[in-house]
N, C-alpha and C. Protein backbone atom coordinates (compact mmCIF):
# COMPACT_ATOMS: atom_id res chain seq x y z
N MET A 1 117.85 93.22 84.21
CA MET A 1 117.08 94.42 83.96
C MET A 1 115.91 94.53 84.93
N LYS A 2 115.28 93.38 85.21
CA LYS A 2 114.15 93.40 86.13
C LYS A 2 114.60 93.76 87.55
N ARG A 3 115.79 93.30 87.92
CA ARG A 3 116.31 93.65 89.25
C ARG A 3 116.59 95.14 89.34
N PHE A 4 117.09 95.71 88.24
CA PHE A 4 117.35 97.14 88.21
C PHE A 4 116.04 97.91 88.36
N ALA A 5 115.00 97.48 87.65
CA ALA A 5 113.70 98.15 87.75
C ALA A 5 113.15 98.03 89.17
N LEU A 6 113.31 96.85 89.77
CA LEU A 6 112.84 96.65 91.14
C LEU A 6 113.61 97.54 92.11
N ALA A 7 114.92 97.70 91.89
CA ALA A 7 115.72 98.57 92.75
C ALA A 7 115.24 100.02 92.66
N ILE A 8 114.90 100.46 91.45
CA ILE A 8 114.38 101.82 91.27
C ILE A 8 113.05 101.97 92.00
N ILE A 9 112.20 100.97 91.88
CA ILE A 9 110.90 101.00 92.57
C ILE A 9 111.12 101.07 94.07
N CYS A 10 112.03 100.26 94.57
CA CYS A 10 112.30 100.25 96.02
C CYS A 10 112.79 101.61 96.51
N CYS A 11 113.68 102.22 95.76
CA CYS A 11 114.19 103.54 96.16
C CYS A 11 113.07 104.57 96.17
N ALA A 12 112.22 104.53 95.17
CA ALA A 12 111.11 105.48 95.10
C ALA A 12 110.13 105.25 96.25
N LEU A 13 109.86 103.99 96.56
CA LEU A 13 108.94 103.68 97.64
C LEU A 13 109.51 104.05 99.00
N THR A 14 110.79 103.86 99.18
CA THR A 14 111.42 104.22 100.45
C THR A 14 111.26 105.70 100.71
N THR A 15 111.44 106.51 99.69
CA THR A 15 111.28 107.96 99.83
C THR A 15 109.86 108.31 100.20
N SER A 16 108.89 107.70 99.53
CA SER A 16 107.49 108.03 99.80
C SER A 16 107.05 107.50 101.16
N VAL A 17 107.59 106.37 101.58
CA VAL A 17 107.23 105.82 102.88
C VAL A 17 107.72 106.73 104.00
N LEU A 18 108.90 107.27 103.85
CA LEU A 18 109.44 108.15 104.88
C LEU A 18 108.67 109.46 104.95
N ALA A 19 108.08 109.88 103.84
CA ALA A 19 107.37 111.15 103.80
C ALA A 19 106.05 111.09 104.56
N ALA A 20 105.30 110.02 104.41
CA ALA A 20 104.01 109.91 105.07
C ALA A 20 103.68 108.44 105.33
N PRO A 21 103.41 108.08 106.58
CA PRO A 21 103.09 106.69 106.87
C PRO A 21 101.76 106.29 106.22
N LYS A 22 101.73 105.09 105.64
CA LYS A 22 100.53 104.58 104.99
C LYS A 22 100.15 103.26 105.62
N SER A 23 98.92 102.86 105.38
CA SER A 23 98.51 101.54 105.85
C SER A 23 99.21 100.49 104.99
N CYS A 24 99.37 99.31 105.53
CA CYS A 24 100.08 98.25 104.81
C CYS A 24 99.35 97.87 103.53
N GLU A 25 98.04 97.78 103.59
CA GLU A 25 97.28 97.39 102.40
C GLU A 25 97.37 98.44 101.31
N GLU A 26 97.35 99.71 101.68
CA GLU A 26 97.46 100.79 100.71
C GLU A 26 98.83 100.78 100.03
N LEU A 27 99.87 100.61 100.83
CA LEU A 27 101.22 100.56 100.29
C LEU A 27 101.42 99.33 99.41
N LYS A 28 100.90 98.20 99.84
CA LYS A 28 101.01 96.98 99.05
C LYS A 28 100.33 97.16 97.69
N ALA A 29 99.18 97.81 97.65
CA ALA A 29 98.47 98.05 96.39
C ALA A 29 99.28 98.94 95.46
N GLU A 30 99.93 99.96 96.01
CA GLU A 30 100.79 100.83 95.20
C GLU A 30 101.98 100.08 94.63
N ILE A 31 102.60 99.23 95.45
CA ILE A 31 103.75 98.45 94.99
C ILE A 31 103.31 97.48 93.90
N GLU A 32 102.15 96.84 94.09
CA GLU A 32 101.64 95.92 93.07
C GLU A 32 101.43 96.62 91.74
N ALA A 33 100.87 97.81 91.78
CA ALA A 33 100.63 98.56 90.55
C ALA A 33 101.94 98.86 89.83
N LYS A 34 102.97 99.21 90.56
CA LYS A 34 104.26 99.51 89.94
C LYS A 34 104.93 98.26 89.38
N ILE A 35 104.80 97.15 90.08
CA ILE A 35 105.38 95.90 89.58
C ILE A 35 104.66 95.47 88.31
N GLN A 36 103.34 95.55 88.31
CA GLN A 36 102.57 95.16 87.13
C GLN A 36 102.86 96.09 85.95
N ALA A 37 103.15 97.35 86.22
CA ALA A 37 103.50 98.29 85.16
C ALA A 37 104.81 97.90 84.49
N ASN A 38 105.65 97.15 85.20
CA ASN A 38 106.92 96.65 84.64
C ASN A 38 106.76 95.27 84.02
N ASN A 39 105.51 94.85 83.82
CA ASN A 39 105.18 93.57 83.17
C ASN A 39 105.76 92.35 83.86
N VAL A 40 105.84 92.38 85.17
CA VAL A 40 106.24 91.20 85.93
C VAL A 40 104.96 90.39 86.16
N SER A 41 104.94 89.17 85.64
CA SER A 41 103.69 88.41 85.65
C SER A 41 103.53 87.49 86.85
N SER A 42 104.60 86.99 87.40
CA SER A 42 104.48 86.01 88.47
C SER A 42 105.34 86.43 89.67
N TYR A 43 104.67 86.90 90.71
CA TYR A 43 105.37 87.39 91.89
C TYR A 43 104.47 87.25 93.11
N THR A 44 105.05 87.41 94.27
CA THR A 44 104.30 87.39 95.52
C THR A 44 104.72 88.58 96.36
N LEU A 45 103.74 89.31 96.87
CA LEU A 45 103.97 90.36 97.86
C LEU A 45 103.31 89.91 99.15
N GLU A 46 104.03 90.05 100.24
CA GLU A 46 103.51 89.59 101.51
C GLU A 46 103.83 90.61 102.60
N ILE A 47 102.86 90.85 103.47
CA ILE A 47 103.05 91.74 104.62
C ILE A 47 103.46 90.86 105.80
N VAL A 48 104.61 91.16 106.39
CA VAL A 48 105.13 90.36 107.50
C VAL A 48 105.63 91.29 108.61
N THR A 49 105.78 90.73 109.80
CA THR A 49 106.37 91.49 110.89
C THR A 49 107.88 91.55 110.68
N ASN A 50 108.53 92.46 111.36
CA ASN A 50 109.99 92.61 111.23
C ASN A 50 110.72 91.32 111.58
N ASP A 51 110.20 90.56 112.54
CA ASP A 51 110.85 89.31 112.97
C ASP A 51 110.81 88.24 111.89
N GLU A 52 109.85 88.32 110.98
CA GLU A 52 109.68 87.30 109.95
C GLU A 52 110.55 87.55 108.71
N VAL A 53 111.24 88.68 108.67
CA VAL A 53 112.09 89.00 107.51
C VAL A 53 113.40 88.25 107.66
N HIS A 54 113.67 87.37 106.66
CA HIS A 54 114.91 86.59 106.68
C HIS A 54 115.95 87.15 105.72
N ASP A 55 115.51 87.86 104.69
CA ASP A 55 116.42 88.41 103.69
C ASP A 55 116.03 89.86 103.43
N GLN A 56 116.86 90.79 103.88
CA GLN A 56 116.55 92.22 103.72
C GLN A 56 116.47 92.64 102.26
N ASN A 57 117.08 91.88 101.36
CA ASN A 57 117.02 92.21 99.94
C ASN A 57 115.63 92.01 99.36
N MET A 58 114.77 91.30 100.05
CA MET A 58 113.40 91.06 99.58
C MET A 58 112.44 92.16 100.02
N VAL A 59 112.85 93.01 100.95
CA VAL A 59 111.98 94.04 101.48
C VAL A 59 111.82 95.17 100.47
N VAL A 60 110.56 95.48 100.12
CA VAL A 60 110.28 96.56 99.17
C VAL A 60 109.47 97.69 99.80
N GLY A 61 109.10 97.54 101.06
CA GLY A 61 108.35 98.60 101.72
C GLY A 61 108.24 98.36 103.20
N SER A 62 107.93 99.42 103.92
CA SER A 62 107.77 99.35 105.37
C SER A 62 106.48 100.09 105.72
N CYS A 63 105.71 99.53 106.65
CA CYS A 63 104.43 100.16 107.00
C CYS A 63 104.16 100.03 108.49
N GLU A 64 103.06 100.63 108.91
CA GLU A 64 102.68 100.68 110.33
C GLU A 64 103.84 101.16 111.19
N ASN A 65 104.37 102.31 110.78
CA ASN A 65 105.46 102.98 111.50
C ASN A 65 106.68 102.08 111.69
N GLY A 66 106.97 101.29 110.67
CA GLY A 66 108.18 100.47 110.68
C GLY A 66 108.05 99.14 111.40
N THR A 67 106.86 98.78 111.87
CA THR A 67 106.70 97.52 112.58
C THR A 67 106.46 96.34 111.64
N LYS A 68 106.08 96.63 110.39
CA LYS A 68 105.84 95.58 109.41
C LYS A 68 106.57 95.91 108.12
N LYS A 69 106.87 94.87 107.35
CA LYS A 69 107.55 95.02 106.07
C LYS A 69 106.73 94.34 104.98
N ILE A 70 106.91 94.81 103.76
CA ILE A 70 106.33 94.16 102.60
C ILE A 70 107.49 93.55 101.84
N ILE A 71 107.39 92.23 101.64
CA ILE A 71 108.47 91.55 100.95
C ILE A 71 108.00 91.08 99.57
N TYR A 72 108.94 91.09 98.64
CA TYR A 72 108.69 90.71 97.25
C TYR A 72 109.45 89.46 96.93
N GLN A 73 108.77 88.56 96.23
CA GLN A 73 109.43 87.35 95.76
C GLN A 73 108.95 87.07 94.35
N LYS A 74 109.89 86.93 93.43
CA LYS A 74 109.54 86.58 92.05
C LYS A 74 109.35 85.09 91.97
N ASN A 75 108.23 84.69 91.39
CA ASN A 75 107.94 83.26 91.23
C ASN A 75 108.42 82.84 89.85
N ASP A 76 109.44 82.01 89.82
CA ASP A 76 109.96 81.52 88.54
C ASP A 76 109.03 80.45 88.00
N ARG A 77 108.92 80.47 86.70
CA ARG A 77 108.03 79.48 86.06
C ARG A 77 108.76 78.22 85.78
């Protein structure tokens, strides 16, 4: 269920990212708010360059005109 919610968030963010470029910090803050609204308690969001992305399934946003990505990782307890 959490993966489904994350997929919905990713789709919504992809649409908004394409509409207007945002700063990485602004986009990261928006993603964090949406993740926290889904009661995910332990996660990591990180801004990385395109070269540092090893798993495209972890990408939840793109910023700085596509030169950087925001990746999500759930921290299991």
